[in-house]
Amino acid sequence: MRIAVCPGSFDPVTKGHLDIIERASKLFDKVIVLVSFNPRKLNSAAFTIEERMKLILEVTKDMDNVLVDCHSGLLAEYLARTNACAIVKGLRAVSDFEYEFQMALTNKKLYPEAETVFLTTSAENMYLSSSVVKEIASLGGDISEFVPGEILDDINSRLFVPDQN
């Protein structure tokens, strides 16, 4: 069985994330969407890990070969434990590639049995990130084009901060 892991913070999950997950689910027998603990993003997290997992479960419920899990240690350890053969990462721009290439080489050194597979984002999602979604939503902007409809209200209710003036 070919198992792939799609790691990320998914804070919150966007249509860009979902596009990569859907495409990976067609390439691998099983895809694990792994909500990772990122200490660099600790202070800016809008959703708990459990909430992020729930949102991802909601938007992937029709994908039979997609599972959702979380992990706070090294990705290589998780890959070994699950016998995964691949890490799937989405690339939006050249700026993403430098960091992701470094991570791919590091993960290959730590767990040689897995390859990193880069999927280029769809053109309509090239600018999209969770940070952009959080900023727009916090200012009351319309994020319906950026996040799956079934979780739009959950995200808006958490992120929208009414003007105090």
N, C-alpha and C. Protein backbone atom coordinates (compact mmCIF):
# COMPACT_ATOMS: atom_id res chain seq x y z
N MET A 1 0.85 -1.18 0.00
CA MET A 1 0.00 0.00 0.00
C MET A 1 0.89 1.24 0.00
N ARG A 2 0.62 2.15 -0.92
CA ARG A 2 1.38 3.39 -1.01
C ARG A 2 0.70 4.45 -0.15
N ILE A 3 1.38 4.82 0.95
CA ILE A 3 0.84 5.80 1.89
C ILE A 3 1.62 7.10 1.76
N ALA A 4 0.88 8.20 1.63
CA ALA A 4 1.49 9.52 1.57
C ALA A 4 1.00 10.35 2.75
N VAL A 5 1.85 11.25 3.19
CA VAL A 5 1.51 12.17 4.27
C VAL A 5 1.54 13.58 3.72
N CYS A 6 0.46 14.32 3.96
CA CYS A 6 0.39 15.75 3.61
C CYS A 6 0.47 16.53 4.92
N PRO A 7 1.67 16.96 5.30
CA PRO A 7 1.80 17.67 6.57
C PRO A 7 1.57 19.17 6.41
N GLY A 8 1.14 19.80 7.48
CA GLY A 8 0.97 21.25 7.48
C GLY A 8 0.31 21.71 8.75
N SER A 9 0.23 23.02 8.90
CA SER A 9 -0.45 23.54 10.08
C SER A 9 -1.95 23.68 9.85
N PHE A 10 -2.38 23.94 8.61
CA PHE A 10 -3.80 23.98 8.25
C PHE A 10 -4.61 24.88 9.19
N ASP A 11 -4.14 26.09 9.39
CA ASP A 11 -4.75 27.00 10.38
C ASP A 11 -5.31 28.26 9.72
N PRO A 12 -6.45 28.18 9.05
CA PRO A 12 -7.33 27.05 8.81
C PRO A 12 -7.04 26.41 7.45
N VAL A 13 -7.71 25.28 7.20
CA VAL A 13 -7.61 24.61 5.91
C VAL A 13 -8.26 25.51 4.85
N THR A 14 -7.62 25.59 3.68
CA THR A 14 -8.12 26.45 2.59
C THR A 14 -8.45 25.59 1.37
N LYS A 15 -9.03 26.22 0.36
CA LYS A 15 -9.29 25.52 -0.89
C LYS A 15 -7.97 25.09 -1.55
N GLY A 16 -6.90 25.82 -1.32
CA GLY A 16 -5.60 25.43 -1.84
C GLY A 16 -5.13 24.13 -1.21
N HIS A 17 -5.26 24.02 0.12
CA HIS A 17 -4.92 22.78 0.80
C HIS A 17 -5.77 21.62 0.26
N LEU A 18 -7.06 21.87 0.15
CA LEU A 18 -7.98 20.83 -0.28
C LEU A 18 -7.65 20.35 -1.69
N ASP A 19 -7.25 21.25 -2.55
CA ASP A 19 -6.85 20.88 -3.92
C ASP A 19 -5.67 19.91 -3.90
N ILE A 20 -4.68 20.20 -3.09
CA ILE A 20 -3.50 19.33 -2.99
C ILE A 20 -3.90 17.98 -2.39
N ILE A 21 -4.73 17.98 -1.37
CA ILE A 21 -5.18 16.72 -0.74
C ILE A 21 -5.95 15.86 -1.74
N GLU A 22 -6.86 16.48 -2.49
CA GLU A 22 -7.66 15.74 -3.48
C GLU A 22 -6.76 15.13 -4.55
N ARG A 23 -5.81 15.91 -5.04
CA ARG A 23 -4.92 15.41 -6.08
C ARG A 23 -4.02 14.29 -5.55
N ALA A 24 -3.54 14.43 -4.32
CA ALA A 24 -2.72 13.37 -3.72
C ALA A 24 -3.53 12.09 -3.54
N SER A 25 -4.81 12.25 -3.22
CA SER A 25 -5.65 11.07 -2.99
C SER A 25 -5.84 10.25 -4.26
N LYS A 26 -5.60 10.85 -5.40
CA LYS A 26 -5.69 10.12 -6.67
C LYS A 26 -4.37 9.43 -7.02
N LEU A 27 -3.30 9.84 -6.38
CA LEU A 27 -1.97 9.28 -6.68
C LEU A 27 -1.56 8.16 -5.72
N PHE A 28 -2.13 8.18 -4.50
CA PHE A 28 -1.71 7.23 -3.47
C PHE A 28 -2.90 6.43 -2.97
N ASP A 29 -2.60 5.25 -2.42
CA ASP A 29 -3.66 4.39 -1.88
C ASP A 29 -4.28 4.99 -0.63
N LYS A 30 -3.44 5.62 0.18
CA LYS A 30 -3.92 6.26 1.41
C LYS A 30 -3.16 7.57 1.59
N VAL A 31 -3.88 8.61 1.98
CA VAL A 31 -3.28 9.91 2.25
C VAL A 31 -3.64 10.29 3.68
N ILE A 32 -2.61 10.60 4.44
CA ILE A 32 -2.81 11.07 5.81
C ILE A 32 -2.56 12.57 5.84
N VAL A 33 -3.58 13.33 6.13
CA VAL A 33 -3.42 14.77 6.32
C VAL A 33 -2.96 14.95 7.76
N LEU A 34 -1.73 15.41 7.90
CA LEU A 34 -1.11 15.47 9.21
C LEU A 34 -1.04 16.90 9.71
N VAL A 35 -1.83 17.19 10.73
CA VAL A 35 -1.79 18.50 11.35
C VAL A 35 -0.58 18.51 12.27
N SER A 36 0.38 19.31 11.89
CA SER A 36 1.64 19.34 12.62
C SER A 36 1.70 20.52 13.58
N PHE A 37 2.34 20.28 14.68
CA PHE A 37 2.60 21.35 15.64
C PHE A 37 3.82 22.12 15.14
N ASN A 38 3.65 23.41 14.91
CA ASN A 38 4.75 24.24 14.43
C ASN A 38 5.06 25.29 15.49
N PRO A 39 6.17 25.14 16.22
CA PRO A 39 6.48 26.10 17.29
C PRO A 39 6.67 27.53 16.79
N ARG A 40 7.04 27.70 15.52
CA ARG A 40 7.20 29.05 14.97
C ARG A 40 5.86 29.76 14.79
N LYS A 41 4.79 28.99 14.70
CA LYS A 41 3.46 29.57 14.49
C LYS A 41 2.60 29.51 15.74
N LEU A 42 3.19 29.15 16.87
CA LEU A 42 2.45 28.92 18.10
C LEU A 42 1.61 30.12 18.51
N ASN A 43 2.18 31.30 18.49
CA ASN A 43 1.47 32.49 18.96
C ASN A 43 0.44 33.02 17.98
N SER A 44 0.49 32.56 16.73
CA SER A 44 -0.45 33.07 15.75
C SER A 44 -1.54 32.07 15.40
N ALA A 45 -1.61 30.93 16.09
CA ALA A 45 -2.62 29.92 15.78
C ALA A 45 -4.01 30.42 16.15
N ALA A 46 -4.91 30.30 15.19
CA ALA A 46 -6.29 30.71 15.43
C ALA A 46 -7.15 29.55 15.93
N PHE A 47 -6.76 28.33 15.54
CA PHE A 47 -7.53 27.15 15.89
C PHE A 47 -6.63 26.15 16.63
N THR A 48 -7.21 25.42 17.55
CA THR A 48 -6.45 24.36 18.21
C THR A 48 -6.19 23.24 17.20
N ILE A 49 -5.28 22.38 17.52
CA ILE A 49 -5.01 21.24 16.64
C ILE A 49 -6.27 20.39 16.47
N GLU A 50 -7.00 20.19 17.54
CA GLU A 50 -8.23 19.39 17.48
C GLU A 50 -9.27 20.05 16.57
N GLU A 51 -9.38 21.38 16.65
CA GLU A 51 -10.33 22.09 15.79
C GLU A 51 -9.91 22.00 14.33
N ARG A 52 -8.63 22.12 14.07
CA ARG A 52 -8.14 22.01 12.69
C ARG A 52 -8.42 20.61 12.13
N MET A 53 -8.20 19.60 12.96
CA MET A 53 -8.49 18.23 12.52
C MET A 53 -9.98 18.07 12.19
N LYS A 54 -10.83 18.64 13.02
CA LYS A 54 -12.28 18.55 12.79
C LYS A 54 -12.67 19.23 11.47
N LEU A 55 -12.08 20.40 11.20
CA LEU A 55 -12.38 21.10 9.95
C LEU A 55 -11.92 20.28 8.74
N ILE A 56 -10.74 19.69 8.84
CA ILE A 56 -10.23 18.88 7.72
C ILE A 56 -11.09 17.64 7.53
N LEU A 57 -11.47 17.00 8.63
CA LEU A 57 -12.36 15.84 8.53
C LEU A 57 -13.65 16.21 7.81
N GLU A 58 -14.18 17.37 8.11
CA GLU A 58 -15.43 17.82 7.47
C GLU A 58 -15.27 17.96 5.96
N VAL A 59 -14.17 18.55 5.51
CA VAL A 59 -14.01 18.82 4.08
C VAL A 59 -13.45 17.64 3.29
N THR A 60 -12.99 16.59 3.99
CA THR A 60 -12.48 15.40 3.30
C THR A 60 -13.37 14.18 3.52
N LYS A 61 -14.52 14.37 4.12
CA LYS A 61 -15.37 13.23 4.50
C LYS A 61 -15.78 12.35 3.33
N ASP A 62 -15.78 12.89 2.12
CA ASP A 62 -16.16 12.10 0.94
C ASP A 62 -14.97 11.45 0.26
N MET A 63 -13.78 11.61 0.80
CA MET A 63 -12.58 11.00 0.24
C MET A 63 -12.24 9.76 1.07
N ASP A 64 -12.59 8.61 0.56
CA ASP A 64 -12.47 7.37 1.31
C ASP A 64 -11.05 7.00 1.72
N ASN A 65 -10.06 7.44 0.97
CA ASN A 65 -8.68 7.05 1.28
C ASN A 65 -7.90 8.15 2.02
N VAL A 66 -8.60 9.13 2.56
CA VAL A 66 -7.96 10.22 3.29
C VAL A 66 -8.27 10.10 4.78
N LEU A 67 -7.21 10.14 5.58
CA LEU A 67 -7.32 10.12 7.04
C LEU A 67 -6.73 11.41 7.57
N VAL A 68 -7.10 11.78 8.78
CA VAL A 68 -6.57 12.98 9.42
C VAL A 68 -5.95 12.58 10.74
N ASP A 69 -4.75 13.11 11.00
CA ASP A 69 -4.04 12.78 12.23
C ASP A 69 -3.25 14.02 12.66
N CYS A 70 -2.63 13.96 13.83
CA CYS A 70 -1.78 15.05 14.29
C CYS A 70 -0.50 14.48 14.86
N HIS A 71 0.52 15.32 14.92
CA HIS A 71 1.83 14.87 15.39
C HIS A 71 2.63 16.09 15.83
N SER A 72 3.38 15.93 16.91
CA SER A 72 4.17 17.06 17.41
C SER A 72 5.67 16.80 17.34
N GLY A 73 6.09 15.66 16.85
CA GLY A 73 7.52 15.35 16.76
C GLY A 73 8.04 15.51 15.35
N LEU A 74 9.14 14.84 15.09
CA LEU A 74 9.74 14.88 13.76
C LEU A 74 8.85 14.17 12.74
N LEU A 75 8.73 14.78 11.59
CA LEU A 75 7.95 14.18 10.52
C LEU A 75 8.53 12.81 10.14
N ALA A 76 9.85 12.70 10.12
CA ALA A 76 10.50 11.44 9.76
C ALA A 76 10.06 10.31 10.70
N GLU A 77 9.91 10.60 11.98
CA GLU A 77 9.44 9.59 12.93
C GLU A 77 8.03 9.13 12.58
N TYR A 78 7.18 10.08 12.23
CA TYR A 78 5.81 9.76 11.87
C TYR A 78 5.78 8.91 10.60
N LEU A 79 6.59 9.27 9.62
CA LEU A 79 6.65 8.52 8.37
C LEU A 79 7.04 7.07 8.63
N ALA A 80 8.06 6.87 9.47
CA ALA A 80 8.52 5.52 9.79
C ALA A 80 7.42 4.73 10.51
N ARG A 81 6.74 5.37 11.43
CA ARG A 81 5.70 4.69 12.21
C ARG A 81 4.52 4.26 11.34
N THR A 82 4.22 5.04 10.30
CA THR A 82 3.07 4.74 9.44
C THR A 82 3.45 4.03 8.16
N ASN A 83 4.75 3.77 7.97
CA ASN A 83 5.26 3.15 6.73
C ASN A 83 4.90 3.95 5.49
N ALA A 84 4.90 5.26 5.62
CA ALA A 84 4.61 6.12 4.48
C ALA A 84 5.78 6.11 3.50
N CYS A 85 5.45 6.20 2.23
CA CYS A 85 6.47 6.22 1.19
C CYS A 85 6.69 7.62 0.63
N ALA A 86 5.81 8.57 1.00
CA ALA A 86 5.92 9.90 0.41
C ALA A 86 5.38 10.99 1.33
N ILE A 87 5.97 12.15 1.15
CA ILE A 87 5.49 13.40 1.75
C ILE A 87 4.98 14.21 0.57
N VAL A 88 3.77 14.72 0.67
CA VAL A 88 3.22 15.54 -0.41
C VAL A 88 3.14 16.98 0.07
N LYS A 89 3.74 17.87 -0.70
CA LYS A 89 3.73 19.29 -0.37
C LYS A 89 3.26 20.08 -1.59
N GLY A 90 2.48 21.10 -1.34
CA GLY A 90 2.05 22.00 -2.40
C GLY A 90 3.01 23.17 -2.50
N LEU A 91 3.29 23.57 -3.71
CA LEU A 91 4.16 24.73 -3.95
C LEU A 91 3.36 25.82 -4.65
N ARG A 92 3.37 27.02 -4.07
CA ARG A 92 2.67 28.15 -4.67
C ARG A 92 3.59 28.97 -5.57
N ALA A 93 4.82 29.15 -5.12
CA ALA A 93 5.73 30.04 -5.83
C ALA A 93 7.16 29.58 -5.61
N VAL A 94 8.07 30.19 -6.32
CA VAL A 94 9.49 29.86 -6.19
C VAL A 94 9.94 30.07 -4.75
N SER A 95 9.40 31.05 -4.07
CA SER A 95 9.78 31.31 -2.68
C SER A 95 9.46 30.13 -1.77
N ASP A 96 8.40 29.38 -2.05
CA ASP A 96 8.08 28.18 -1.28
C ASP A 96 9.13 27.09 -1.51
N PHE A 97 9.63 27.02 -2.73
CA PHE A 97 10.50 25.91 -3.11
C PHE A 97 11.78 25.86 -2.28
N GLU A 98 12.40 26.99 -2.04
CA GLU A 98 13.68 26.99 -1.31
C GLU A 98 13.53 26.32 0.06
N TYR A 99 12.54 26.73 0.81
CA TYR A 99 12.31 26.15 2.14
C TYR A 99 11.92 24.67 2.02
N GLU A 100 10.98 24.37 1.13
CA GLU A 100 10.49 22.99 1.01
C GLU A 100 11.58 22.06 0.49
N PHE A 101 12.46 22.55 -0.37
CA PHE A 101 13.58 21.75 -0.86
C PHE A 101 14.51 21.39 0.29
N GLN A 102 14.79 22.35 1.14
CA GLN A 102 15.63 22.11 2.32
C GLN A 102 14.99 21.06 3.23
N MET A 103 13.69 21.19 3.46
CA MET A 103 12.98 20.23 4.30
C MET A 103 12.97 18.84 3.66
N ALA A 104 12.81 18.78 2.34
CA ALA A 104 12.81 17.49 1.63
C ALA A 104 14.14 16.78 1.80
N LEU A 105 15.22 17.51 1.66
CA LEU A 105 16.55 16.91 1.82
C LEU A 105 16.78 16.45 3.26
N THR A 106 16.32 17.23 4.20
CA THR A 106 16.47 16.87 5.61
C THR A 106 15.66 15.62 5.92
N ASN A 107 14.41 15.58 5.47
CA ASN A 107 13.57 14.41 5.72
C ASN A 107 14.13 13.16 5.04
N LYS A 108 14.71 13.33 3.86
CA LYS A 108 15.32 12.20 3.15
C LYS A 108 16.50 11.65 3.95
N LYS A 109 17.26 12.53 4.57
CA LYS A 109 18.40 12.11 5.39
C LYS A 109 17.90 11.36 6.64
N LEU A 110 16.83 11.87 7.25
CA LEU A 110 16.30 11.26 8.46
C LEU A 110 15.51 9.98 8.20
N TYR A 111 14.85 9.91 7.04
CA TYR A 111 14.04 8.74 6.70
C TYR A 111 14.17 8.48 5.20
N PRO A 112 15.21 7.77 4.78
CA PRO A 112 15.50 7.56 3.37
C PRO A 112 14.42 6.80 2.59
N GLU A 113 13.53 6.10 3.28
CA GLU A 113 12.51 5.32 2.59
C GLU A 113 11.41 6.17 1.97
N ALA A 114 11.31 7.43 2.32
CA ALA A 114 10.24 8.28 1.79
C ALA A 114 10.79 9.33 0.84
N GLU A 115 10.00 9.61 -0.18
CA GLU A 115 10.31 10.67 -1.14
C GLU A 115 9.38 11.86 -0.87
N THR A 116 9.84 13.03 -1.22
CA THR A 116 8.96 14.20 -1.16
C THR A 116 8.45 14.47 -2.56
N VAL A 117 7.13 14.60 -2.67
CA VAL A 117 6.48 14.87 -3.94
C VAL A 117 5.92 16.28 -3.88
N PHE A 118 6.33 17.11 -4.82
CA PHE A 118 5.83 18.49 -4.88
C PHE A 118 4.74 18.58 -5.93
N LEU A 119 3.60 19.11 -5.52
CA LEU A 119 2.51 19.38 -6.45
C LEU A 119 2.37 20.89 -6.57
N THR A 120 2.41 21.38 -7.78
CA THR A 120 2.23 22.82 -7.96
C THR A 120 0.76 23.15 -7.75
N THR A 121 0.55 24.26 -7.11
CA THR A 121 -0.81 24.67 -6.82
C THR A 121 -1.53 25.04 -8.11
N SER A 122 -2.83 24.95 -8.07
CA SER A 122 -3.63 25.41 -9.20
C SER A 122 -3.52 26.92 -9.30
N ALA A 123 -3.62 27.44 -10.50
CA ALA A 123 -3.43 28.88 -10.74
C ALA A 123 -4.32 29.74 -9.85
N GLU A 124 -5.55 29.30 -9.63
CA GLU A 124 -6.48 30.11 -8.83
C GLU A 124 -6.12 30.16 -7.36
N ASN A 125 -5.19 29.31 -6.92
CA ASN A 125 -4.80 29.28 -5.51
C ASN A 125 -3.37 29.75 -5.27
N MET A 126 -2.70 30.28 -6.26
CA MET A 126 -1.28 30.62 -6.14
C MET A 126 -0.99 31.63 -5.03
N TYR A 127 -1.89 32.52 -4.76
CA TYR A 127 -1.69 33.58 -3.77
C TYR A 127 -2.25 33.21 -2.41
N LEU A 128 -2.94 32.09 -2.33
CA LEU A 128 -3.73 31.74 -1.16
C LEU A 128 -2.90 31.11 -0.06
N SER A 129 -3.11 31.58 1.15
CA SER A 129 -2.48 30.98 2.33
C SER A 129 -3.43 31.13 3.51
N SER A 130 -3.19 30.34 4.53
CA SER A 130 -3.99 30.45 5.74
C SER A 130 -3.84 31.83 6.37
N SER A 131 -2.65 32.39 6.28
CA SER A 131 -2.41 33.73 6.84
C SER A 131 -3.26 34.78 6.15
N VAL A 132 -3.37 34.69 4.83
CA VAL A 132 -4.20 35.63 4.07
C VAL A 132 -5.67 35.48 4.49
N VAL A 133 -6.12 34.24 4.61
CA VAL A 133 -7.50 33.98 5.02
C VAL A 133 -7.76 34.57 6.40
N LYS A 134 -6.84 34.36 7.34
CA LYS A 134 -7.02 34.89 8.70
C LYS A 134 -7.09 36.41 8.69
N GLU A 135 -6.23 37.03 7.92
CA GLU A 135 -6.22 38.49 7.89
C GLU A 135 -7.51 39.05 7.28
N ILE A 136 -7.94 38.51 6.17
CA ILE A 136 -9.17 38.99 5.52
C ILE A 136 -10.37 38.78 6.44
N ALA A 137 -10.48 37.58 7.01
CA ALA A 137 -11.62 37.28 7.89
C ALA A 137 -11.63 38.16 9.13
N SER A 138 -10.46 38.42 9.70
CA SER A 138 -10.42 39.23 10.92
C SER A 138 -10.88 40.66 10.68
N LEU A 139 -10.77 41.10 9.43
CA LEU A 139 -11.21 42.45 9.08
C LEU A 139 -12.61 42.47 8.49
N GLY A 140 -13.30 41.33 8.53
CA GLY A 140 -14.68 41.26 8.07
C GLY A 140 -14.83 41.04 6.58
N GLY A 141 -13.75 40.70 5.91
CA GLY A 141 -13.82 40.47 4.47
C GLY A 141 -14.42 39.12 4.13
N ASP A 142 -14.81 39.00 2.88
CA ASP A 142 -15.44 37.78 2.38
C ASP A 142 -14.37 36.74 2.03
N ILE A 143 -14.36 35.62 2.73
CA ILE A 143 -13.38 34.56 2.48
C ILE A 143 -14.02 33.35 1.78
N SER A 144 -15.24 33.51 1.29
CA SER A 144 -15.96 32.37 0.70
C SER A 144 -15.27 31.81 -0.53
N GLU A 145 -14.47 32.58 -1.22
CA GLU A 145 -13.73 32.08 -2.38
C GLU A 145 -12.48 31.32 -1.97
N PHE A 146 -12.10 31.39 -0.72
CA PHE A 146 -10.82 30.85 -0.27
C PHE A 146 -10.90 29.59 0.59
N VAL A 147 -12.07 29.35 1.19
CA VAL A 147 -12.22 28.19 2.07
C VAL A 147 -13.44 27.38 1.64
N PRO A 148 -13.41 26.07 1.88
CA PRO A 148 -14.57 25.25 1.54
C PRO A 148 -15.84 25.74 2.24
N GLY A 149 -16.94 25.75 1.50
CA GLY A 149 -18.20 26.29 2.00
C GLY A 149 -18.69 25.66 3.27
N GLU A 150 -18.46 24.35 3.44
CA GLU A 150 -19.00 23.67 4.61
C GLU A 150 -18.33 24.08 5.92
N ILE A 151 -17.20 24.79 5.85
CA ILE A 151 -16.54 25.24 7.08
C ILE A 151 -16.44 26.77 7.15
N LEU A 152 -17.03 27.45 6.20
CA LEU A 152 -16.97 28.92 6.14
C LEU A 152 -17.47 29.56 7.44
N ASP A 153 -18.63 29.15 7.92
CA ASP A 153 -19.18 29.75 9.15
C ASP A 153 -18.30 29.49 10.36
N ASP A 154 -17.72 28.29 10.44
CA ASP A 154 -16.83 27.96 11.56
C ASP A 154 -15.62 28.90 11.58
N ILE A 155 -15.08 29.15 10.40
CA ILE A 155 -13.89 30.00 10.31
C ILE A 155 -14.25 31.45 10.59
N ASN A 156 -15.32 31.93 9.98
CA ASN A 156 -15.74 33.31 10.21
C ASN A 156 -16.07 33.57 11.68
N SER A 157 -16.76 32.64 12.32
CA SER A 157 -17.14 32.87 13.72
C SER A 157 -15.93 32.94 14.63
N ARG A 158 -14.85 32.28 14.27
CA ARG A 158 -13.63 32.32 15.06
C ARG A 158 -12.78 33.54 14.75
N LEU A 159 -12.70 33.90 13.50
CA LEU A 159 -11.71 34.90 13.08
C LEU A 159 -12.23 36.34 13.03
N PHE A 160 -13.51 36.52 12.78
CA PHE A 160 -14.01 37.89 12.63
C PHE A 160 -13.96 38.64 13.95
N VAL A 161 -13.32 39.79 13.92
CA VAL A 161 -13.23 40.66 15.10
C VAL A 161 -13.97 41.95 14.74
N PRO A 162 -15.15 42.17 15.32
CA PRO A 162 -15.91 43.38 14.99
C PRO A 162 -15.14 44.64 15.36
N ASP A 163 -15.34 45.67 14.57
CA ASP A 163 -14.68 46.97 14.83
C ASP A 163 -15.17 47.50 16.17
N GLN A 164 -14.24 47.88 17.01
CA GLN A 164 -14.57 48.36 18.35
C GLN A 164 -14.90 49.86 18.39
N ASN A 165 -14.83 50.54 17.28
CA ASN A 165 -15.08 52.00 17.28
C ASN A 165 -16.51 52.31 17.02
